[in-house]
Protein backbone atom coordinates (compact mmCIF):
# COMPACT_ATOMS: atom_id res chain seq x y z
CA UNK A 1 75.21 121.23 102.75
CA UNK A 2 74.76 123.58 99.77
CA UNK A 3 74.84 127.37 100.40
CA UNK A 4 74.26 126.80 104.10
CA UNK A 5 71.09 124.74 103.60
CA UNK A 6 70.69 121.01 103.99
CA UNK A 7 70.11 119.15 100.73
CA UNK A 8 67.75 116.97 102.75
CA UNK A 9 65.29 119.78 103.52
CA UNK A 10 62.69 118.14 101.28
CA UNK A 11 63.23 114.75 102.92
CA UNK A 12 64.78 113.23 99.79
CA UNK A 13 67.32 114.11 97.13
CA UNK A 14 69.21 112.59 94.19
CA UNK A 15 72.99 112.88 94.15
CA UNK A 16 75.47 111.75 91.46
CA UNK A 17 78.78 110.28 92.57
CA UNK A 18 81.77 109.97 90.21
CA UNK A 19 84.97 108.01 90.64
CA UNK A 20 87.88 106.64 88.64
CA UNK A 21 90.30 104.58 90.67
CA UNK A 22 93.91 103.48 90.53
CA UNK A 23 93.11 100.90 87.85
CA UNK A 24 91.91 103.70 85.49
CA UNK A 25 89.31 101.38 83.94
CA UNK A 26 86.88 104.23 83.25
CA UNK A 27 84.52 106.50 85.16
CA UNK A 28 82.05 104.94 87.58
CA UNK A 29 78.91 107.09 87.80
CA UNK A 30 76.02 106.39 90.13
CA UNK A 31 72.84 108.08 91.20
CA UNK A 32 72.00 107.67 94.87
CA UNK A 33 68.68 108.63 96.44
CA UNK A 34 68.96 109.86 100.01
CA UNK A 35 65.96 109.91 102.31
CA UNK A 36 65.49 110.76 105.96
CA UNK A 37 62.97 109.30 108.35
CA UNK A 38 62.76 110.95 111.79
CA UNK A 39 61.56 107.61 113.15
CA UNK A 40 64.83 105.85 112.21
CA UNK A 41 66.66 104.41 115.22
CA UNK A 42 69.92 105.34 113.49
CA UNK A 43 70.05 109.13 112.99
CA UNK A 44 71.51 109.08 109.48
CA UNK A 45 70.25 109.43 105.91
CA UNK A 46 69.22 106.21 104.18
CA UNK A 47 70.66 105.67 100.74
CA UNK A 48 69.47 103.62 97.80
CA UNK A 49 71.29 103.12 94.51
CA UNK A 50 69.05 104.54 91.77
CA UNK A 51 71.36 104.07 88.79
CA UNK A 52 74.90 103.04 87.87
CA UNK A 53 77.17 102.69 84.86
CA UNK A 54 80.85 102.68 83.96
CA UNK A 55 81.66 105.26 81.29
CA UNK A 56 84.74 103.98 79.39
CA UNK A 57 87.74 106.16 78.69
CA UNK A 58 88.44 106.73 74.98
CA UNK A 59 90.89 104.19 73.47
CA UNK A 60 94.47 105.02 74.37
CA UNK A 61 93.62 107.48 77.17
CA UNK A 62 94.41 105.03 79.98
CA UNK A 63 97.93 104.52 78.63
CA UNK A 64 98.45 108.27 78.35
CA UNK A 65 97.20 108.85 81.91
CA UNK A 66 99.56 106.18 83.24
CA UNK A 67 102.43 107.90 81.43
CA UNK A 68 101.43 111.36 82.62
CA UNK A 69 101.15 110.07 86.20
CA UNK A 70 104.83 109.10 86.08
CA UNK A 71 106.50 111.84 84.02
CA UNK A 72 103.91 114.16 82.49
CA UNK A 73 104.71 117.82 81.91
CA UNK A 74 102.83 120.61 83.66
CA UNK A 75 101.28 121.52 80.31
CA UNK A 76 99.99 117.98 79.77
CA UNK A 77 98.54 117.76 83.27
CA UNK A 78 96.82 121.11 82.75
CA UNK A 79 95.12 119.96 79.55
CA UNK A 80 94.17 116.52 80.88
CA UNK A 81 92.65 118.24 83.93
CA UNK A 82 90.13 119.93 81.64
CA UNK A 83 89.68 116.94 79.30
CA UNK A 84 88.78 114.64 82.19
CA UNK A 85 86.33 117.25 83.45
CA UNK A 86 84.55 116.94 80.09
CA UNK A 87 84.59 113.13 80.28
CA UNK A 88 83.29 113.09 83.85
CA UNK A 89 80.46 115.40 82.75
CA UNK A 90 79.68 112.95 79.92
CA UNK A 91 79.44 110.19 82.52
CA UNK A 92 76.91 112.26 84.48
CA UNK A 93 74.77 112.86 81.42
CA UNK A 94 74.95 109.17 80.51
CA UNK A 95 73.81 107.85 83.90
CA UNK A 96 71.05 110.47 84.17
CA UNK A 97 69.79 109.59 80.68
CA UNK A 98 69.96 105.87 81.44
CA UNK A 99 67.53 106.39 84.32
CA UNK A 100 65.27 108.64 82.18
CA UNK A 101 65.77 111.56 84.55
CA UNK A 102 66.15 115.27 83.90
CA UNK A 103 69.40 116.94 84.94
CA UNK A 104 67.29 119.37 86.98
CA UNK A 105 66.33 116.48 89.30
CA UNK A 106 69.96 116.13 90.46
CA UNK A 107 70.70 118.15 93.61
CA UNK A 108 74.49 117.93 93.60
CA UNK A 109 77.41 116.02 92.00
CA UNK A 110 80.35 114.65 93.99
CA UNK A 111 83.46 113.94 91.92
CA UNK A 112 86.61 112.23 93.11
CA UNK A 113 88.52 112.89 89.90
CA UNK A 114 91.43 110.77 88.65
CA UNK A 115 94.40 110.42 90.98
CA UNK A 116 97.67 110.87 89.12
CA UNK A 117 99.96 111.28 92.14
CA UNK A 118 99.59 110.55 95.84
CA UNK A 119 102.30 111.61 98.30
CA UNK A 120 100.83 111.26 101.80
CA UNK A 121 104.14 110.99 103.67
CA UNK A 122 105.28 114.49 104.74
CA UNK A 123 108.53 115.86 103.35
CA UNK A 124 110.35 118.97 104.65
CA UNK A 125 110.15 121.95 102.28
CA UNK A 126 111.24 125.47 103.22
CA UNK A 127 110.48 124.92 106.87
CA UNK A 128 107.15 123.15 106.28
CA UNK A 129 106.17 119.48 106.39
CA UNK A 130 104.39 118.93 103.07
CA UNK A 131 102.01 116.10 102.16
CA UNK A 132 100.08 116.18 98.91
CA UNK A 133 97.79 114.37 96.53
CA UNK A 134 96.71 115.32 93.01
CA UNK A 135 93.45 114.46 91.25
CA UNK A 136 92.53 115.76 87.80
CA UNK A 137 89.10 116.23 86.20
CA UNK A 138 88.17 119.83 86.98
CA UNK A 139 84.93 120.08 89.05
CA UNK A 140 84.31 123.53 87.56
CA UNK A 141 84.13 122.00 84.08
CA UNK A 142 81.70 119.33 85.31
CA UNK A 143 79.50 121.95 87.00
CA UNK A 144 79.43 124.15 83.90
CA UNK A 145 78.75 121.29 81.46
CA UNK A 146 75.99 119.79 83.59
CA UNK A 147 74.53 122.91 85.17
CA UNK A 148 74.66 121.25 88.62
CA UNK A 149 76.63 122.26 91.71
CA UNK A 150 79.70 120.01 91.85
CA UNK A 151 81.85 119.19 94.87
CA UNK A 152 85.43 117.93 94.45
CA UNK A 153 88.95 117.89 95.94
CA UNK A 154 87.88 115.43 98.64
CA UNK A 155 91.32 113.89 99.03
CA UNK A 156 93.22 117.17 99.27
CA UNK A 157 90.64 118.45 101.75
CA UNK A 158 91.52 115.50 103.99
CA UNK A 159 95.28 116.04 103.55
CA UNK A 160 94.84 119.72 104.42
CA UNK A 161 93.59 118.80 107.90
CA UNK A 162 96.35 116.26 108.52
CA UNK A 163 94.77 113.16 107.01
CA UNK A 164 96.19 110.75 104.46
CA UNK A 165 93.73 111.70 101.74
CA UNK A 166 92.83 108.02 101.43
CA UNK A 167 90.84 105.97 101.87
CA UNK A 168 87.73 108.14 101.82
CA UNK A 169 85.40 105.25 102.64
CA UNK A 170 85.09 105.23 106.47
CA UNK A 171 82.20 107.74 106.74
CA UNK A 172 79.79 105.82 104.53
CA UNK A 173 81.09 102.51 105.83
CA UNK A 174 80.48 103.58 109.43
CA UNK A 175 76.79 104.18 108.70
CA UNK A 176 76.40 100.76 107.06
CA UNK A 177 78.39 99.04 109.79
CA UNK A 178 76.35 100.68 112.53
CA UNK A 179 73.14 99.31 111.05
CA UNK A 180 74.72 95.89 110.44
CA UNK A 181 75.77 95.63 114.08
CA UNK A 182 72.37 96.73 115.35
CA UNK A 183 70.58 94.21 113.12
CA UNK A 184 72.94 91.22 113.55
CA UNK A 185 75.16 91.85 116.59
CA UNK A 186 78.18 91.20 114.34
CA UNK A 187 81.08 93.39 113.28
CA UNK A 188 80.75 94.15 109.56
CA UNK A 189 84.09 94.95 107.96
CA UNK A 190 84.09 96.45 104.47
CA UNK A 191 86.96 95.71 102.10
CA UNK A 192 87.28 97.46 98.75
CA UNK A 193 89.74 95.91 96.30
CA UNK A 194 90.44 98.29 93.45
CA UNK A 195 93.97 99.02 92.32
CA UNK A 196 94.75 99.41 96.02
CA UNK A 197 92.86 97.58 98.77
CA UNK A 198 91.37 99.37 101.76
CA UNK A 199 89.49 98.11 104.77
CA UNK A 200 87.20 99.68 107.35
CA UNK A 201 85.59 98.38 110.51
CA UNK A 202 83.31 99.54 113.29
CA UNK A 203 84.18 97.79 116.54
CA UNK A 204 81.77 97.91 119.51
CA UNK A 205 83.00 99.92 122.48
CA UNK A 206 84.31 98.46 125.67
CA UNK A 207 83.62 99.89 129.11
CA UNK A 208 83.28 103.40 127.69
CA UNK A 209 80.55 102.21 125.35
CA UNK A 210 81.94 104.28 122.48
CA UNK A 211 82.55 102.30 119.26
CA UNK A 212 85.88 102.54 117.47
CA UNK A 213 86.17 103.11 113.74
CA UNK A 214 89.08 101.99 111.57
CA UNK A 215 89.79 102.77 107.92
CA UNK A 216 93.07 102.49 106.03
CA UNK A 217 94.81 101.12 102.93
CA UNK A 218 96.14 97.56 103.19
CA UNK A 219 98.40 97.42 100.11
CA UNK A 220 98.16 96.39 96.45
CA UNK A 221 94.75 95.20 95.34
CA UNK A 222 94.51 94.54 91.61
CA UNK A 223 97.33 96.83 90.52
CA UNK A 224 100.06 94.15 90.28
CA UNK A 225 97.71 91.57 88.77
CA UNK A 226 96.44 94.00 86.12
CA UNK A 227 99.93 95.20 85.21
CA UNK A 228 101.16 91.66 84.59
CA UNK A 229 97.97 90.70 82.72
CA UNK A 230 98.52 93.60 80.33
CA UNK A 231 102.24 92.95 79.95
CA UNK A 232 102.10 89.19 79.34
CA UNK A 233 98.56 88.30 78.25
CA UNK A 234 97.28 91.48 76.52
CA UNK A 235 94.36 91.52 78.98
CA UNK A 236 93.18 94.40 81.13
CA UNK A 237 92.77 92.05 84.11
CA UNK A 238 92.82 88.39 85.08
CA UNK A 239 89.22 87.45 84.27
CA UNK A 240 87.78 85.08 86.91
CA UNK A 241 91.31 84.55 88.25
CA UNK A 242 91.98 82.04 85.45
CA UNK A 243 95.66 82.89 85.13
CA UNK A 244 96.19 82.72 88.90
CA UNK A 245 94.38 79.38 89.13
CA UNK A 246 96.65 77.97 86.39
CA UNK A 247 99.76 78.78 88.43
CA UNK A 248 101.13 77.88 91.84
CA UNK A 249 101.79 80.31 94.67
CA UNK A 250 105.49 80.61 95.52
CA UNK A 251 105.68 80.62 99.30
CA UNK A 252 109.31 81.77 99.12
CA UNK A 253 108.42 84.83 97.02
CA UNK A 254 105.28 85.54 99.05
CA UNK A 255 107.22 85.54 102.31
CA UNK A 256 109.73 87.96 100.82
CA UNK A 257 107.03 90.28 99.51
CA UNK A 258 105.27 90.27 102.88
CA UNK A 259 108.33 91.92 104.48
CA UNK A 260 107.16 95.20 102.95
CA UNK A 261 107.09 97.66 105.86
CA UNK A 262 103.81 99.19 104.68
CA UNK A 263 101.83 96.10 105.72
CA UNK A 264 103.09 96.51 109.27
CA UNK A 265 102.91 100.30 109.54
CA UNK A 266 100.48 101.62 112.10
CA UNK A 267 97.38 103.30 110.60
CA UNK A 268 96.34 105.83 109.46
CA UNK A 269 98.10 105.02 106.20
CA UNK A 270 97.55 105.11 102.46
CA UNK A 271 99.46 104.13 99.35
CA UNK A 272 99.21 104.12 95.56
CA UNK A 273 100.82 103.54 92.19
CA UNK A 274 103.88 105.50 93.36
CA UNK A 275 104.76 102.53 95.61
CA UNK A 276 103.39 99.61 93.55
CA UNK A 277 103.96 100.75 89.98
CA UNK A 278 106.62 100.05 87.35
CA UNK A 279 109.62 100.28 89.65
CA UNK A 280 108.08 97.78 92.09
CA UNK A 281 107.18 95.40 89.24
CA UNK A 282 110.70 95.57 87.75
CA UNK A 283 112.27 94.68 91.12
CA UNK A 284 109.69 91.93 91.60
CA UNK A 285 110.55 90.31 88.27
CA UNK A 286 114.25 90.26 89.14
CA UNK A 287 113.36 88.20 92.23
CA UNK A 288 111.15 85.93 90.11
CA UNK A 289 113.97 85.29 87.62
CA UNK A 290 116.17 84.23 90.51
CA UNK A 291 113.49 81.77 91.67
CA UNK A 292 112.81 80.60 88.08
CA UNK A 293 109.08 81.12 88.39
CA UNK A 294 106.67 80.84 85.46
CA UNK A 295 104.45 83.75 84.50
CA UNK A 296 101.41 81.90 85.85
CA UNK A 297 103.16 81.28 89.18
CA UNK A 298 104.02 84.97 89.45
CA UNK A 299 100.41 86.02 88.80
CA UNK A 300 99.19 83.46 91.34
CA UNK A 301 101.64 84.78 93.93
CA UNK A 302 100.81 88.48 93.54
CA UNK A 303 97.11 87.57 93.66
CA UNK A 304 97.70 85.71 96.90
CA UNK A 305 99.65 88.75 98.12
CA UNK A 306 96.48 90.85 97.85
CA UNK A 307 94.66 88.57 100.30
CA UNK A 308 97.69 88.11 102.56
CA UNK A 309 98.22 91.87 102.92
CA UNK A 310 94.58 92.38 103.92
CA UNK A 311 94.68 89.59 106.49
CA UNK A 312 97.91 90.69 108.15
CA UNK A 313 96.58 94.25 108.50
CA UNK A 314 93.36 92.92 110.03
CA UNK A 315 95.27 90.68 112.43
CA UNK A 316 97.51 93.51 113.64
CA UNK A 317 95.24 96.53 113.72
CA UNK A 318 91.57 95.46 113.92
CA UNK A 319 91.21 91.98 115.43
CA UNK A 320 92.84 92.87 118.79
CA UNK A 321 90.03 95.39 119.40
CA UNK A 322 87.13 93.03 118.68
CA UNK A 323 85.62 91.31 121.74
CA UNK A 324 86.09 87.54 121.52
CA UNK A 325 82.37 86.90 121.81
CA UNK A 326 81.47 89.03 118.78
CA UNK A 327 81.26 87.46 115.31
CA UNK A 328 82.69 89.13 112.22
CA UNK A 329 81.77 89.47 108.56
CA UNK A 330 83.98 90.75 105.73
CA UNK A 331 82.07 92.23 102.79
CA UNK A 332 84.13 92.77 99.63
CA UNK A 333 83.60 95.31 96.84
CA UNK A 334 85.57 96.54 93.85
CA UNK A 335 87.10 94.48 91.05
CA UNK A 336 88.64 92.06 93.53
CA UNK A 337 85.16 90.86 94.54
CA UNK A 338 84.83 89.38 91.02
CA UNK A 339 88.08 87.43 91.28
CA UNK A 340 87.31 83.94 92.70
CA UNK A 341 91.00 83.36 93.50
CA UNK A 342 91.10 86.41 95.77
CA UNK A 343 87.79 85.57 97.44
CA UNK A 344 88.90 81.96 98.05
CA UNK A 345 92.22 83.12 99.52
CA UNK A 346 90.49 85.64 101.78
CA UNK A 347 88.13 83.00 103.17
CA UNK A 348 91.02 80.61 103.82
CA UNK A 349 93.06 83.29 105.58
CA UNK A 350 90.19 84.77 107.62
CA UNK A 351 89.00 81.40 108.95
CA UNK A 352 85.84 81.86 111.07
CA UNK A 353 85.12 85.30 109.59
CA UNK A 354 82.39 85.14 106.96
CA UNK A 355 83.69 86.50 103.63
CA UNK A 356 81.17 87.59 101.01
CA UNK A 357 80.26 90.26 98.47
CA UNK A 358 79.09 93.67 99.65
CA UNK A 359 75.96 92.85 97.65
CA UNK A 360 74.88 90.79 100.67
CA UNK A 361 74.23 94.05 102.55
CA UNK A 362 72.68 95.84 99.58
CA UNK A 363 75.83 97.61 98.39
CA UNK A 364 76.63 97.03 94.71
CA UNK A 365 80.30 95.85 94.70
CA UNK A 366 80.97 97.78 91.47
CA UNK A 367 79.33 101.01 92.59
CA UNK A 368 80.60 101.38 96.14
CA UNK A 369 83.24 104.08 95.69
CA UNK A 370 81.10 106.17 93.36
CA UNK A 371 78.29 105.90 95.92
CA UNK A 372 80.72 107.12 98.54
CA UNK A 373 81.38 110.30 96.57
CA UNK A 374 77.65 111.00 96.44
CA UNK A 375 77.44 110.74 100.23
CA UNK A 376 80.58 112.84 100.80
CA UNK A 377 78.72 115.90 99.48
């Protein structure tokens, strides 16, 4: 809705979605075309990806953002807020130019920004219970540079009404899952593995007939893997899971890591680098020294942890609500979908559940979260 009018008044519109996740790999920018057909059995806009690219951060910026996220000054955060607004606007211009479109053809831009701190658990302050989350990349800068209405602060808007601010995926996922169930009769769960992993599911209703929707963070996705790859192998990530495949999973370490209370906390819940950043890694490596594990074994174990955390959340909080006669599919997006070790571990742990890429249902695994921001407008 823009100025009280539906952006779908013409029956179709182009929306740009922008996102940079916990991994801080760059800015994902996509153009999504939304159309409405009154004859659709499902009363919801249809979406089609019309363009996508990842706009890289300038060399050295990722390292500075990681530093600022931990101990940046107010002055630094203020300047980076504007700088990232400029870079996000560049990403918009790049994806629009790639598709040979005019900026005037874009109805609205939805920008997630770059999360630098996420504190969803309420803390008492001056008589108030305070939860907060902070994303930088000023939407006003994007709007001015591009000349297009820009919507932002999605996470804080959710926190303001009592939510966790993450994940933001369930709305778009619910539309896809509704269609998947109507077409196949199967529950379609959607798992995004970025720095943090999150899962959503639409479960058919029981006697009431009303379906139930679930959406929450599961735990670390690629964040531990990427941190160790940078520290030990001078790589941004473990390409094709090669490092993990060269090691052996330590069941002793994995069992200890799985005692993390977050994996067993009742949803809604969210997490971030604040819980699985440098301090977590330092404590992890102390445990690994005690067990005399090789670097490859450690990478293999934290990669296995990603799959194990997803499965234990599913088993506790989603599976009990799925009727025994209904089949399930798990469609994976994000960087984790390109890691064969993670995908293999997921299939082994989920057993009869089909595990595949979100591309199987027409959702580009690299563009999912940016697409989400386009729909959130």
